[in-house]
Amino acid sequence: MSQENDLNLPPLNQADLSFDHGDMSVARSGSVPVKTAEDLEQVFDVPVTVSAVLGSSKVAVGDLLQIVPGAVLELDRRVGEAIDIFVNERLVARGEVVVVEDRLGVTMTEIIKADR
């Protein structure tokens, strides 16, 4: 994890969150109060960097300096293959490139669960 974070927030786990509007007094374990989306409101304005990576390529510096406008740089992915979606340099999902009006976008097709 990057040391550049301005906030020192504790990590959340599945037991900390519940968006169930049933019994608001206890969580699934029976001893922890249930958290809702409203409880996380203080972090809604925290900026994060989202990156969609189409692929990568290893290129020698000499070759990189010879690239001209219009040149094609071959990536390690095939057409139609899922792209990686990162939040703050952490892989969180895979998705597909979509066109929305005149802009490119990404739709998430798979959420990656973090191994802790």
PDB file of N, CA and C in Angstrom:
ATOM      1  N   MET A   1       0.839  -1.189   0.000  1.00  0.00           N
ATOM      2  CA  MET A   1       0.000   0.000   0.000  1.00  0.00           C
ATOM      3  C   MET A   1       0.874   1.238   0.000  1.00  0.00           C
ATOM      4  N   SER A   2       0.478   2.258  -0.668  1.00  0.00           N
ATOM      5  CA  SER A   2       1.272   3.466  -0.804  1.00  0.00           C
ATOM      6  C   SER A   2       1.348   4.222   0.514  1.00  0.00           C
ATOM      7  N   GLN A   3       2.518   4.771   0.804  1.00  0.00           N
ATOM      8  CA  GLN A   3       2.700   5.579   2.007  1.00  0.00           C
ATOM      9  C   GLN A   3       2.300   7.024   1.773  1.00  0.00           C
ATOM     10  N   GLU A   4       1.813   7.362   0.564  1.00  0.00           N
ATOM     11  CA  GLU A   4       1.484   8.730   0.215  1.00  0.00           C
ATOM     12  C   GLU A   4       0.066   9.121   0.643  1.00  0.00           C
ATOM     13  N   ASN A   5      -0.682   8.212   1.269  1.00  0.00           N
ATOM     14  CA  ASN A   5      -2.060   8.506   1.648  1.00  0.00           C
ATOM     15  C   ASN A   5      -2.090   9.590   2.709  1.00  0.00           C
ATOM     16  N   ASP A   6      -2.997  10.545   2.558  1.00  0.00           N
ATOM     17  CA  ASP A   6      -3.158  11.601   3.537  1.00  0.00           C
ATOM     18  C   ASP A   6      -3.973  11.140   4.735  1.00  0.00           C
ATOM     19  N   LEU A   7      -4.802  10.138   4.543  1.00  0.00           N
ATOM     20  CA  LEU A   7      -5.663   9.651   5.606  1.00  0.00           C
ATOM     21  C   LEU A   7      -5.174   8.307   6.094  1.00  0.00           C
ATOM     22  N   ASN A   8      -5.252   8.071   7.363  1.00  0.00           N
ATOM     23  CA  ASN A   8      -4.863   6.791   7.925  1.00  0.00           C
ATOM     24  C   ASN A   8      -6.136   6.084   8.376  1.00  0.00           C
ATOM     25  N   LEU A   9      -6.849   5.500   7.425  1.00  0.00           N
ATOM     26  CA  LEU A   9      -8.119   4.848   7.714  1.00  0.00           C
ATOM     27  C   LEU A   9      -7.890   3.376   7.981  1.00  0.00           C
ATOM     28  N   PRO A  10      -8.587   2.796   8.943  1.00  0.00           N
ATOM     29  CA  PRO A  10      -8.443   1.358   9.182  1.00  0.00           C
ATOM     30  C   PRO A  10      -9.072   0.579   8.041  1.00  0.00           C
ATOM     31  N   PRO A  11      -8.533  -0.604   7.731  1.00  0.00           N
ATOM     32  CA  PRO A  11      -9.134  -1.409   6.664  1.00  0.00           C
ATOM     33  C   PRO A  11     -10.510  -1.911   7.076  1.00  0.00           C
ATOM     34  N   LEU A  12     -11.416  -1.980   6.113  1.00  0.00           N
ATOM     35  CA  LEU A  12     -12.754  -2.510   6.363  1.00  0.00           C
ATOM     36  C   LEU A  12     -12.792  -3.962   5.944  1.00  0.00           C
ATOM     37  N   ASN A  13     -13.548  -4.758   6.648  1.00  0.00           N
ATOM     38  CA  ASN A  13     -13.765  -6.129   6.204  1.00  0.00           C
ATOM     39  C   ASN A  13     -15.271  -6.365   6.091  1.00  0.00           C
ATOM     40  N   GLN A  14     -15.646  -7.509   5.562  1.00  0.00           N
ATOM     41  CA  GLN A  14     -17.051  -7.799   5.277  1.00  0.00           C
ATOM     42  C   GLN A  14     -17.919  -7.688   6.532  1.00  0.00           C
ATOM     43  N   ALA A  15     -17.378  -8.058   7.686  1.00  0.00           N
ATOM     44  CA  ALA A  15     -18.162  -8.020   8.917  1.00  0.00           C
ATOM     45  C   ALA A  15     -18.451  -6.587   9.368  1.00  0.00           C
ATOM     46  N   ASP A  16     -17.646  -5.624   8.898  1.00  0.00           N
ATOM     47  CA  ASP A  16     -17.850  -4.232   9.291  1.00  0.00           C
ATOM     48  C   ASP A  16     -19.008  -3.577   8.561  1.00  0.00           C
ATOM     49  N   LEU A  17     -19.399  -4.130   7.420  1.00  0.00           N
ATOM     50  CA  LEU A  17     -20.403  -3.479   6.586  1.00  0.00           C
ATOM     51  C   LEU A  17     -21.659  -4.317   6.448  1.00  0.00           C
ATOM     52  N   SER A  18     -22.765  -3.654   6.449  1.00  0.00           N
ATOM     53  CA  SER A  18     -24.030  -4.295   6.143  1.00  0.00           C
ATOM     54  C   SER A  18     -24.957  -3.220   5.621  1.00  0.00           C
ATOM     55  N   PHE A  19     -25.542  -3.456   4.459  1.00  0.00           N
ATOM     56  CA  PHE A  19     -26.460  -2.488   3.891  1.00  0.00           C
ATOM     57  C   PHE A  19     -27.888  -2.977   4.027  1.00  0.00           C
ATOM     58  N   ASP A  20     -28.080  -3.932   4.917  1.00  0.00           N
ATOM     59  CA  ASP A  20     -29.378  -4.497   5.212  1.00  0.00           C
ATOM     60  C   ASP A  20     -30.116  -3.519   6.123  1.00  0.00           C
ATOM     61  N   HIS A  21     -31.337  -3.153   5.770  1.00  0.00           N
ATOM     62  CA  HIS A  21     -32.086  -2.192   6.572  1.00  0.00           C
ATOM     63  C   HIS A  21     -33.001  -2.869   7.594  1.00  0.00           C
ATOM     64  N   GLY A  22     -32.716  -4.118   7.889  1.00  0.00           N
ATOM     65  CA  GLY A  22     -33.506  -4.840   8.882  1.00  0.00           C
ATOM     66  C   GLY A  22     -33.173  -4.369  10.279  1.00  0.00           C
ATOM     67  N   ASP A  23     -32.680  -5.272  11.120  1.00  0.00           N
ATOM     68  CA  ASP A  23     -32.316  -4.949  12.498  1.00  0.00           C
ATOM     69  C   ASP A  23     -31.037  -4.119  12.493  1.00  0.00           C
ATOM     70  N   MET A  24     -31.122  -2.834  12.855  1.00  0.00           N
ATOM     71  CA  MET A  24     -29.979  -1.931  12.804  1.00  0.00           C
ATOM     72  C   MET A  24     -29.151  -1.988  14.085  1.00  0.00           C
ATOM     73  N   SER A  25     -29.490  -2.841  15.037  1.00  0.00           N
ATOM     74  CA  SER A  25     -28.804  -2.816  16.323  1.00  0.00           C
ATOM     75  C   SER A  25     -27.560  -3.695  16.370  1.00  0.00           C
ATOM     76  N   VAL A  26     -27.507  -4.780  15.613  1.00  0.00           N
ATOM     77  CA  VAL A  26     -26.338  -5.657  15.664  1.00  0.00           C
ATOM     78  C   VAL A  26     -25.966  -6.136  14.272  1.00  0.00           C
ATOM     79  N   ALA A  27     -24.711  -6.461  14.081  1.00  0.00           N
ATOM     80  CA  ALA A  27     -24.238  -7.017  12.808  1.00  0.00           C
ATOM     81  C   ALA A  27     -24.471  -8.514  12.804  1.00  0.00           C
ATOM     82  N   ARG A  28     -24.002  -9.182  11.745  1.00  0.00           N
ATOM     83  CA  ARG A  28     -24.194 -10.623  11.595  1.00  0.00           C
ATOM     84  C   ARG A  28     -23.628 -11.404  12.772  1.00  0.00           C
ATOM     85  N   SER A  29     -22.503 -10.952  13.329  1.00  0.00           N
ATOM     86  CA  SER A  29     -21.884 -11.677  14.439  1.00  0.00           C
ATOM     87  C   SER A  29     -22.690 -11.518  15.723  1.00  0.00           C
ATOM     88  N   GLY A  30     -23.565 -10.519  15.782  1.00  0.00           N
ATOM     89  CA  GLY A  30     -24.390 -10.317  16.957  1.00  0.00           C
ATOM     90  C   GLY A  30     -23.763  -9.382  17.975  1.00  0.00           C
ATOM     91  N   SER A  31     -22.482  -8.980  17.809  1.00  0.00           N
ATOM     92  CA  SER A  31     -21.855  -8.144  18.814  1.00  0.00           C
ATOM     93  C   SER A  31     -21.371  -6.793  18.276  1.00  0.00           C
ATOM     94  N   VAL A  32     -21.322  -6.625  16.982  1.00  0.00           N
ATOM     95  CA  VAL A  32     -20.824  -5.385  16.386  1.00  0.00           C
ATOM     96  C   VAL A  32     -22.006  -4.618  15.795  1.00  0.00           C
ATOM     97  N   PRO A  33     -22.118  -3.307  16.075  1.00  0.00           N
ATOM     98  CA  PRO A  33     -23.222  -2.544  15.489  1.00  0.00           C
ATOM     99  C   PRO A  33     -23.162  -2.580  13.959  1.00  0.00           C
ATOM    100  N   VAL A  34     -24.327  -2.602  13.350  1.00  0.00           N
ATOM    101  CA  VAL A  34     -24.419  -2.650  11.892  1.00  0.00           C
ATOM    102  C   VAL A  34     -24.004  -1.302  11.315  1.00  0.00           C
ATOM    103  N   LYS A  35     -23.186  -1.323  10.268  1.00  0.00           N
ATOM    104  CA  LYS A  35     -22.770  -0.105   9.571  1.00  0.00           C
ATOM    105  C   LYS A  35     -23.604   0.019   8.303  1.00  0.00           C
ATOM    106  N   THR A  36     -23.956   1.241   7.961  1.00  0.00           N
ATOM    107  CA  THR A  36     -24.702   1.495   6.734  1.00  0.00           C
ATOM    108  C   THR A  36     -23.892   2.426   5.849  1.00  0.00           C
ATOM    109  N   ALA A  37     -24.358   2.651   4.634  1.00  0.00           N
ATOM    110  CA  ALA A  37     -23.677   3.565   3.725  1.00  0.00           C
ATOM    111  C   ALA A  37     -23.585   4.959   4.344  1.00  0.00           C
ATOM    112  N   GLU A  38     -24.561   5.352   5.117  1.00  0.00           N
ATOM    113  CA  GLU A  38     -24.548   6.662   5.764  1.00  0.00           C
ATOM    114  C   GLU A  38     -23.383   6.789   6.743  1.00  0.00           C
ATOM    115  N   ASP A  39     -22.967   5.679   7.365  1.00  0.00           N
ATOM    116  CA  ASP A  39     -21.839   5.704   8.285  1.00  0.00           C
ATOM    117  C   ASP A  39     -20.527   6.005   7.568  1.00  0.00           C
ATOM    118  N   LEU A  40     -20.461   5.749   6.280  1.00  0.00           N
ATOM    119  CA  LEU A  40     -19.250   5.982   5.499  1.00  0.00           C
ATOM    120  C   LEU A  40     -19.256   7.339   4.800  1.00  0.00           C
ATOM    121  N   GLU A  41     -20.269   8.150   5.068  1.00  0.00           N
ATOM    122  CA  GLU A  41     -20.434   9.423   4.367  1.00  0.00           C
ATOM    123  C   GLU A  41     -19.199  10.313   4.477  1.00  0.00           C
ATOM    124  N   GLN A  42     -18.473  10.255   5.576  1.00  0.00           N
ATOM    125  CA  GLN A  42     -17.298  11.113   5.751  1.00  0.00           C
ATOM    126  C   GLN A  42     -16.180  10.805   4.764  1.00  0.00           C
ATOM    127  N   VAL A  43     -16.180   9.642   4.137  1.00  0.00           N
ATOM    128  CA  VAL A  43     -15.132   9.313   3.162  1.00  0.00           C
ATOM    129  C   VAL A  43     -15.613   9.436   1.719  1.00  0.00           C
ATOM    130  N   PHE A  44     -16.854   9.810   1.496  1.00  0.00           N
ATOM    131  CA  PHE A  44     -17.386   9.915   0.135  1.00  0.00           C
ATOM    132  C   PHE A  44     -16.640  10.945  -0.706  1.00  0.00           C
ATOM    133  N   ASP A  45     -16.085  11.982  -0.107  1.00  0.00           N
ATOM    134  CA  ASP A  45     -15.390  13.028  -0.848  1.00  0.00           C
ATOM    135  C   ASP A  45     -13.885  12.798  -0.937  1.00  0.00           C
ATOM    136  N   VAL A  46     -13.386  11.678  -0.443  1.00  0.00           N
ATOM    137  CA  VAL A  46     -11.955  11.397  -0.523  1.00  0.00           C
ATOM    138  C   VAL A  46     -11.624  11.046  -1.972  1.00  0.00           C
ATOM    139  N   PRO A  47     -10.694  11.786  -2.581  1.00  0.00           N
ATOM    140  CA  PRO A  47     -10.360  11.512  -3.981  1.00  0.00           C
ATOM    141  C   PRO A  47      -9.541  10.225  -4.121  1.00  0.00           C
ATOM    142  N   VAL A  48      -9.826   9.472  -5.165  1.00  0.00           N
ATOM    143  CA  VAL A  48      -9.068   8.273  -5.500  1.00  0.00           C
ATOM    144  C   VAL A  48      -8.722   8.334  -6.981  1.00  0.00           C
ATOM    145  N   THR A  49      -7.679   7.626  -7.374  1.00  0.00           N
ATOM    146  CA  THR A  49      -7.284   7.564  -8.766  1.00  0.00           C
ATOM    147  C   THR A  49      -7.742   6.238  -9.344  1.00  0.00           C
ATOM    148  N   VAL A  50      -8.542   6.300 -10.412  1.00  0.00           N
ATOM    149  CA  VAL A  50      -9.034   5.101 -11.084  1.00  0.00           C
ATOM    150  C   VAL A  50      -8.329   5.008 -12.430  1.00  0.00           C
ATOM    151  N   SER A  51      -7.748   3.836 -12.713  1.00  0.00           N
ATOM    152  CA  SER A  51      -7.045   3.609 -13.974  1.00  0.00           C
ATOM    153  C   SER A  51      -7.587   2.357 -14.634  1.00  0.00           C
ATOM    154  N   ALA A  52      -7.809   2.432 -15.931  1.00  0.00           N
ATOM    155  CA  ALA A  52      -8.198   1.270 -16.721  1.00  0.00           C
ATOM    156  C   ALA A  52      -7.027   0.953 -17.641  1.00  0.00           C
ATOM    157  N   VAL A  53      -6.414  -0.207 -17.457  1.00  0.00           N
ATOM    158  CA  VAL A  53      -5.207  -0.561 -18.192  1.00  0.00           C
ATOM    159  C   VAL A  53      -5.561  -1.504 -19.332  1.00  0.00           C
ATOM    160  N   LEU A  54      -5.333  -1.044 -20.546  1.00  0.00           N
ATOM    161  CA  LEU A  54      -5.629  -1.842 -21.734  1.00  0.00           C
ATOM    162  C   LEU A  54      -4.609  -2.953 -21.946  1.00  0.00           C
ATOM    163  N   GLY A  55      -3.423  -2.776 -21.456  1.00  0.00           N
ATOM    164  CA  GLY A  55      -2.360  -3.753 -21.617  1.00  0.00           C
ATOM    165  C   GLY A  55      -1.029  -3.096 -21.359  1.00  0.00           C
ATOM    166  N   SER A  56       0.036  -3.860 -21.521  1.00  0.00           N
ATOM    167  CA  SER A  56       1.365  -3.306 -21.312  1.00  0.00           C
ATOM    168  C   SER A  56       2.329  -3.900 -22.330  1.00  0.00           C
ATOM    169  N   SER A  57       3.485  -3.281 -22.412  1.00  0.00           N
ATOM    170  CA  SER A  57       4.516  -3.734 -23.343  1.00  0.00           C
ATOM    171  C   SER A  57       5.864  -3.331 -22.781  1.00  0.00           C
ATOM    172  N   LYS A  58       6.868  -4.196 -22.920  1.00  0.00           N
ATOM    173  CA  LYS A  58       8.226  -3.856 -22.508  1.00  0.00           C
ATOM    174  C   LYS A  58       8.976  -3.388 -23.740  1.00  0.00           C
ATOM    175  N   VAL A  59       9.572  -2.199 -23.622  1.00  0.00           N
ATOM    176  CA  VAL A  59      10.267  -1.583 -24.742  1.00  0.00           C
ATOM    177  C   VAL A  59      11.601  -1.043 -24.238  1.00  0.00           C
ATOM    178  N   ALA A  60      12.655  -1.284 -24.985  1.00  0.00           N
ATOM    179  CA  ALA A  60      13.954  -0.712 -24.650  1.00  0.00           C
ATOM    180  C   ALA A  60      13.906   0.798 -24.832  1.00  0.00           C
ATOM    181  N   VAL A  61      14.666   1.527 -24.033  1.00  0.00           N
ATOM    182  CA  VAL A  61      14.663   2.989 -24.104  1.00  0.00           C
ATOM    183  C   VAL A  61      15.017   3.456 -25.512  1.00  0.00           C
ATOM    184  N   GLY A  62      15.984   2.826 -26.153  1.00  0.00           N
ATOM    185  CA  GLY A  62      16.366   3.210 -27.509  1.00  0.00           C
ATOM    186  C   GLY A  62      15.218   3.085 -28.482  1.00  0.00           C
ATOM    187  N   ASP A  63      14.427   1.990 -28.358  1.00  0.00           N
ATOM    188  CA  ASP A  63      13.262   1.803 -29.225  1.00  0.00           C
ATOM    189  C   ASP A  63      12.166   2.808 -28.906  1.00  0.00           C
ATOM    190  N   LEU A  64      12.012   3.118 -27.619  1.00  0.00           N
ATOM    191  CA  LEU A  64      10.992   4.074 -27.191  1.00  0.00           C
ATOM    192  C   LEU A  64      11.259   5.454 -27.792  1.00  0.00           C
ATOM    193  N   LEU A  65      12.523   5.841 -27.856  1.00  0.00           N
ATOM    194  CA  LEU A  65      12.881   7.151 -28.395  1.00  0.00           C
ATOM    195  C   LEU A  65      12.656   7.243 -29.904  1.00  0.00           C
ATOM    196  N   GLN A  66      12.533   6.096 -30.574  1.00  0.00           N
ATOM    197  CA  GLN A  66      12.338   6.083 -32.019  1.00  0.00           C
ATOM    198  C   GLN A  66      10.868   6.012 -32.426  1.00  0.00           C
ATOM    199  N   ILE A  67       9.970   5.948 -31.452  1.00  0.00           N
ATOM    200  CA  ILE A  67       8.537   5.892 -31.766  1.00  0.00           C
ATOM    201  C   ILE A  67       8.091   7.247 -32.313  1.00  0.00           C
ATOM    202  N   VAL A  68       7.346   7.214 -33.408  1.00  0.00           N
ATOM    203  CA  VAL A  68       6.862   8.435 -34.047  1.00  0.00           C
ATOM    204  C   VAL A  68       5.334   8.451 -33.995  1.00  0.00           C
ATOM    205  N   PRO A  69       4.716   9.616 -34.161  1.00  0.00           N
ATOM    206  CA  PRO A  69       3.251   9.659 -34.204  1.00  0.00           C
ATOM    207  C   PRO A  69       2.718   8.716 -35.281  1.00  0.00           C
ATOM    208  N   GLY A  70       1.703   7.948 -34.921  1.00  0.00           N
ATOM    209  CA  GLY A  70       1.106   6.992 -35.852  1.00  0.00           C
ATOM    210  C   GLY A  70       1.682   5.597 -35.720  1.00  0.00           C
ATOM    211  N   ALA A  71       2.771   5.448 -34.972  1.00  0.00           N
ATOM    212  CA  ALA A  71       3.370   4.128 -34.775  1.00  0.00           C
ATOM    213  C   ALA A  71       2.448   3.280 -33.892  1.00  0.00           C
ATOM    214  N   VAL A  72       2.499   1.972 -34.076  1.00  0.00           N
ATOM    215  CA  VAL A  72       1.680   1.046 -33.302  1.00  0.00           C
ATOM    216  C   VAL A  72       2.568   0.354 -32.281  1.00  0.00           C
ATOM    217  N   LEU A  73       2.158   0.395 -31.040  1.00  0.00           N
ATOM    218  CA  LEU A  73       2.867  -0.274 -29.963  1.00  0.00           C
ATOM    219  C   LEU A  73       2.039  -1.491 -29.558  1.00  0.00           C
ATOM    220  N   GLU A  74       2.572  -2.672 -29.771  1.00  0.00           N
ATOM    221  CA  GLU A  74       1.830  -3.896 -29.490  1.00  0.00           C
ATOM    222  C   GLU A  74       1.748  -4.130 -27.983  1.00  0.00           C
ATOM    223  N   LEU A  75       0.534  -4.420 -27.495  1.00  0.00           N
ATOM    224  CA  LEU A  75       0.301  -4.685 -26.077  1.00  0.00           C
ATOM    225  C   LEU A  75       0.171  -6.183 -25.844  1.00  0.00           C
ATOM    226  N   ASP A  76       0.183  -6.568 -24.571  1.00  0.00           N
ATOM    227  CA  ASP A  76       0.129  -7.988 -24.211  1.00  0.00           C
ATOM    228  C   ASP A  76      -1.297  -8.544 -24.131  1.00  0.00           C
ATOM    229  N   ARG A  77      -2.284  -7.801 -24.573  1.00  0.00           N
ATOM    230  CA  ARG A  77      -3.679  -8.251 -24.542  1.00  0.00           C
ATOM    231  C   ARG A  77      -4.206  -8.429 -25.952  1.00  0.00           C
ATOM    232  N   ARG A  78      -5.204  -9.279 -26.087  1.00  0.00           N
ATOM    233  CA  ARG A  78      -5.850  -9.503 -27.382  1.00  0.00           C
ATOM    234  C   ARG A  78      -7.144  -8.676 -27.441  1.00  0.00           C
ATOM    235  N   VAL A  79      -7.621  -8.434 -28.639  1.00  0.00           N
ATOM    236  CA  VAL A  79      -8.883  -7.713 -28.831  1.00  0.00           C
ATOM    237  C   VAL A  79      -9.997  -8.491 -28.128  1.00  0.00           C
ATOM    238  N   GLY A  80     -10.818  -7.806 -27.360  1.00  0.00           N
ATOM    239  CA  GLY A  80     -11.932  -8.437 -26.658  1.00  0.00           C
ATOM    240  C   GLY A  80     -11.560  -9.000 -25.297  1.00  0.00           C
ATOM    241  N   GLU A  81     -10.283  -9.040 -24.968  1.00  0.00           N
ATOM    242  CA  GLU A  81      -9.849  -9.545 -23.664  1.00  0.00           C
ATOM    243  C   GLU A  81     -10.156  -8.492 -22.597  1.00  0.00           C
ATOM    244  N   ALA A  82     -10.462  -8.928 -21.387  1.00  0.00           N
ATOM    245  CA  ALA A  82     -10.803  -8.011 -20.298  1.00  0.00           C
ATOM    246  C   ALA A  82      -9.635  -7.088 -19.976  1.00  0.00           C
ATOM    247  N   ILE A  83      -9.959  -5.863 -19.582  1.00  0.00           N
ATOM    248  CA  ILE A  83      -8.935  -4.918 -19.145  1.00  0.00           C
ATOM    249  C   ILE A  83      -8.926  -4.882 -17.619  1.00  0.00           C
ATOM    250  N   ASP A  84      -7.816  -4.444 -17.044  1.00  0.00           N
ATOM    251  CA  ASP A  84      -7.694  -4.351 -15.592  1.00  0.00           C
ATOM    252  C   ASP A  84      -8.094  -2.960 -15.129  1.00  0.00           C
ATOM    253  N   ILE A  85      -8.834  -2.896 -14.021  1.00  0.00           N
ATOM    254  CA  ILE A  85      -9.273  -1.633 -13.444  1.00  0.00           C
ATOM    255  C   ILE A  85      -8.633  -1.509 -12.066  1.00  0.00           C
ATOM    256  N   PHE A  86      -7.870  -0.435 -11.878  1.00  0.00           N
ATOM    257  CA  PHE A  86      -7.152  -0.200 -10.636  1.00  0.00           C
ATOM    258  C   PHE A  86      -7.735   1.011  -9.923  1.00  0.00           C
ATOM    259  N   VAL A  87      -7.775   0.960  -8.595  1.00  0.00           N
ATOM    260  CA  VAL A  87      -8.100   2.120  -7.768  1.00  0.00           C
ATOM    261  C   VAL A  87      -6.908   2.318  -6.856  1.00  0.00           C
ATOM    262  N   ASN A  88      -6.291   3.494  -6.958  1.00  0.00           N
ATOM    263  CA  ASN A  88      -5.072   3.793  -6.201  1.00  0.00           C
ATOM    264  C   ASN A  88      -4.028   2.687  -6.353  1.00  0.00           C
ATOM    265  N   GLU A  89      -3.806   2.283  -7.584  1.00  0.00           N
ATOM    266  CA  GLU A  89      -2.798   1.292  -7.955  1.00  0.00           C
ATOM    267  C   GLU A  89      -3.086  -0.113  -7.423  1.00  0.00           C
ATOM    268  N   ARG A  90      -4.297  -0.381  -6.972  1.00  0.00           N
ATOM    269  CA  ARG A  90      -4.691  -1.716  -6.508  1.00  0.00           C
ATOM    270  C   ARG A  90      -5.730  -2.272  -7.469  1.00  0.00           C
ATOM    271  N   LEU A  91      -5.474  -3.487  -7.970  1.00  0.00           N
ATOM    272  CA  LEU A  91      -6.414  -4.133  -8.884  1.00  0.00           C
ATOM    273  C   LEU A  91      -7.713  -4.427  -8.145  1.00  0.00           C
ATOM    274  N   VAL A  92      -8.828  -3.878  -8.651  1.00  0.00           N
ATOM    275  CA  VAL A  92     -10.114  -4.074  -7.990  1.00  0.00           C
ATOM    276  C   VAL A  92     -11.150  -4.746  -8.880  1.00  0.00           C
ATOM    277  N   ALA A  93     -10.927  -4.695 -10.212  1.00  0.00           N
ATOM    278  CA  ALA A  93     -11.939  -5.258 -11.106  1.00  0.00           C
ATOM    279  C   ALA A  93     -11.341  -5.499 -12.486  1.00  0.00           C
ATOM    280  N   ARG A  94     -12.104  -6.232 -13.292  1.00  0.00           N
ATOM    281  CA  ARG A  94     -11.809  -6.383 -14.715  1.00  0.00           C
ATOM    282  C   ARG A  94     -13.043  -5.909 -15.456  1.00  0.00           C
ATOM    283  N   GLY A  95     -12.836  -5.433 -16.686  1.00  0.00           N
ATOM    284  CA  GLY A  95     -13.977  -4.903 -17.408  1.00  0.00           C
ATOM    285  C   GLY A  95     -13.748  -4.870 -18.895  1.00  0.00           C
ATOM    286  N   GLU A  96     -14.643  -4.165 -19.570  1.00  0.00           N
ATOM    287  CA  GLU A  96     -14.608  -4.034 -21.022  1.00  0.00           C
ATOM    288  C   GLU A  96     -14.707  -2.562 -21.389  1.00  0.00           C
ATOM    289  N   VAL A  97     -14.054  -2.203 -22.492  1.00  0.00           N
ATOM    290  CA  VAL A  97     -14.145  -0.837 -23.005  1.00  0.00           C
ATOM    291  C   VAL A  97     -15.488  -0.681 -23.700  1.00  0.00           C
ATOM    292  N   VAL A  98     -16.164   0.435 -23.430  1.00  0.00           N
ATOM    293  CA  VAL A  98     -17.440   0.746 -24.070  1.00  0.00           C
ATOM    294  C   VAL A  98     -17.377   2.170 -24.620  1.00  0.00           C
ATOM    295  N   VAL A  99     -18.251   2.471 -25.569  1.00  0.00           N
ATOM    296  CA  VAL A  99     -18.360   3.822 -26.103  1.00  0.00           C
ATOM    297  C   VAL A  99     -19.657   4.415 -25.576  1.00  0.00           C
ATOM    298  N   VAL A 100     -19.551   5.579 -24.930  1.00  0.00           N
ATOM    299  CA  VAL A 100     -20.709   6.293 -24.400  1.00  0.00           C
ATOM    300  C   VAL A 100     -20.733   7.651 -25.096  1.00  0.00           C
ATOM    301  N   GLU A 101     -21.699   7.825 -25.977  1.00  0.00           N
ATOM    302  CA  GLU A 101     -21.772   8.993 -26.848  1.00  0.00           C
ATOM    303  C   GLU A 101     -20.460   9.088 -27.625  1.00  0.00           C
ATOM    304  N   ASP A 102     -19.654  10.118 -27.416  1.00  0.00           N
ATOM    305  CA  ASP A 102     -18.409  10.242 -28.168  1.00  0.00           C
ATOM    306  C   ASP A 102     -17.172   9.995 -27.300  1.00  0.00           C
ATOM    307  N   ARG A 103     -17.353   9.316 -26.165  1.00  0.00           N
ATOM    308  CA  ARG A 103     -16.243   9.064 -25.242  1.00  0.00           C
ATOM    309  C   ARG A 103     -16.095   7.572 -24.968  1.00  0.00           C
ATOM    310  N   LEU A 104     -14.863   7.198 -24.624  1.00  0.00           N
ATOM    311  CA  LEU A 104     -14.619   5.822 -24.191  1.00  0.00           C
ATOM    312  C   LEU A 104     -14.923   5.708 -22.713  1.00  0.00           C
ATOM    313  N   GLY A 105     -15.428   4.561 -22.314  1.00  0.00           N
ATOM    314  CA  GLY A 105     -15.698   4.276 -20.912  1.00  0.00           C
ATOM    315  C   GLY A 105     -15.352   2.836 -20.620  1.00  0.00           C
ATOM    316  N   VAL A 106     -15.564   2.436 -19.393  1.00  0.00           N
ATOM    317  CA  VAL A 106     -15.277   1.070 -18.973  1.00  0.00           C
ATOM    318  C   VAL A 106     -16.464   0.556 -18.184  1.00  0.00           C
ATOM    319  N   THR A 107     -16.862  -0.661 -18.465  1.00  0.00           N
ATOM    320  CA  THR A 107     -17.884  -1.310 -17.662  1.00  0.00           C
ATOM    321  C   THR A 107     -17.230  -2.461 -16.910  1.00  0.00           C
ATOM    322  N   MET A 108     -17.520  -2.579 -15.618  1.00  0.00           N
ATOM    323  CA  MET A 108     -16.927  -3.644 -14.802  1.00  0.00           C
ATOM    324  C   MET A 108     -17.692  -4.946 -15.040  1.00  0.00           C
ATOM    325  N   THR A 109     -16.953  -6.003 -15.299  1.00  0.00           N
ATOM    326  CA  THR A 109     -17.560  -7.314 -15.510  1.00  0.00           C
ATOM    327  C   THR A 109     -17.217  -8.295 -14.410  1.00  0.00           C
ATOM    328  N   GLU A 110     -16.175  -7.977 -13.633  1.00  0.00           N
ATOM    329  CA  GLU A 110     -15.721  -8.881 -12.574  1.00  0.00           C
ATOM    330  C   GLU A 110     -15.083  -8.056 -11.463  1.00  0.00           C
ATOM    331  N   ILE A 111     -15.501  -8.265 -10.227  1.00  0.00           N
ATOM    332  CA  ILE A 111     -14.889  -7.620  -9.073  1.00  0.00           C
ATOM    333  C   ILE A 111     -13.825  -8.560  -8.520  1.00  0.00           C
ATOM    334  N   ILE A 112     -12.640  -8.032  -8.279  1.00  0.00           N
ATOM    335  CA  ILE A 112     -11.529  -8.825  -7.747  1.00  0.00           C
ATOM    336  C   ILE A 112     -11.527  -8.689  -6.229  1.00  0.00           C
ATOM    337  N   LYS A 113     -11.641  -9.797  -5.529  1.00  0.00           N
ATOM    338  CA  LYS A 113     -11.594  -9.768  -4.060  1.00  0.00           C
ATOM    339  C   LYS A 113     -10.148  -9.770  -3.610  1.00  0.00           C
ATOM    340  N   ALA A 114      -9.817  -8.852  -2.704  1.00  0.00           N
ATOM    341  CA  ALA A 114      -8.454  -8.736  -2.220  1.00  0.00           C
ATOM    342  C   ALA A 114      -8.134  -9.873  -1.246  1.00  0.00           C
ATOM    343  N   ASP A 115      -6.956 -10.452  -1.411  1.00  0.00           N
ATOM    344  CA  ASP A 115      -6.481 -11.463  -0.465  1.00  0.00           C
ATOM    345  C   ASP A 115      -5.717 -10.745   0.627  1.00  0.00           C
ATOM    346  N   ARG A 116      -6.170 -10.887   1.854  1.00  0.00           N
ATOM    347  CA  ARG A 116      -5.507 -10.200   2.983  1.00  0.00           C
ATOM    348  C   ARG A 116      -4.963 -11.207   3.932  1.00  0.00           C
TER     349      ARG A 116
END
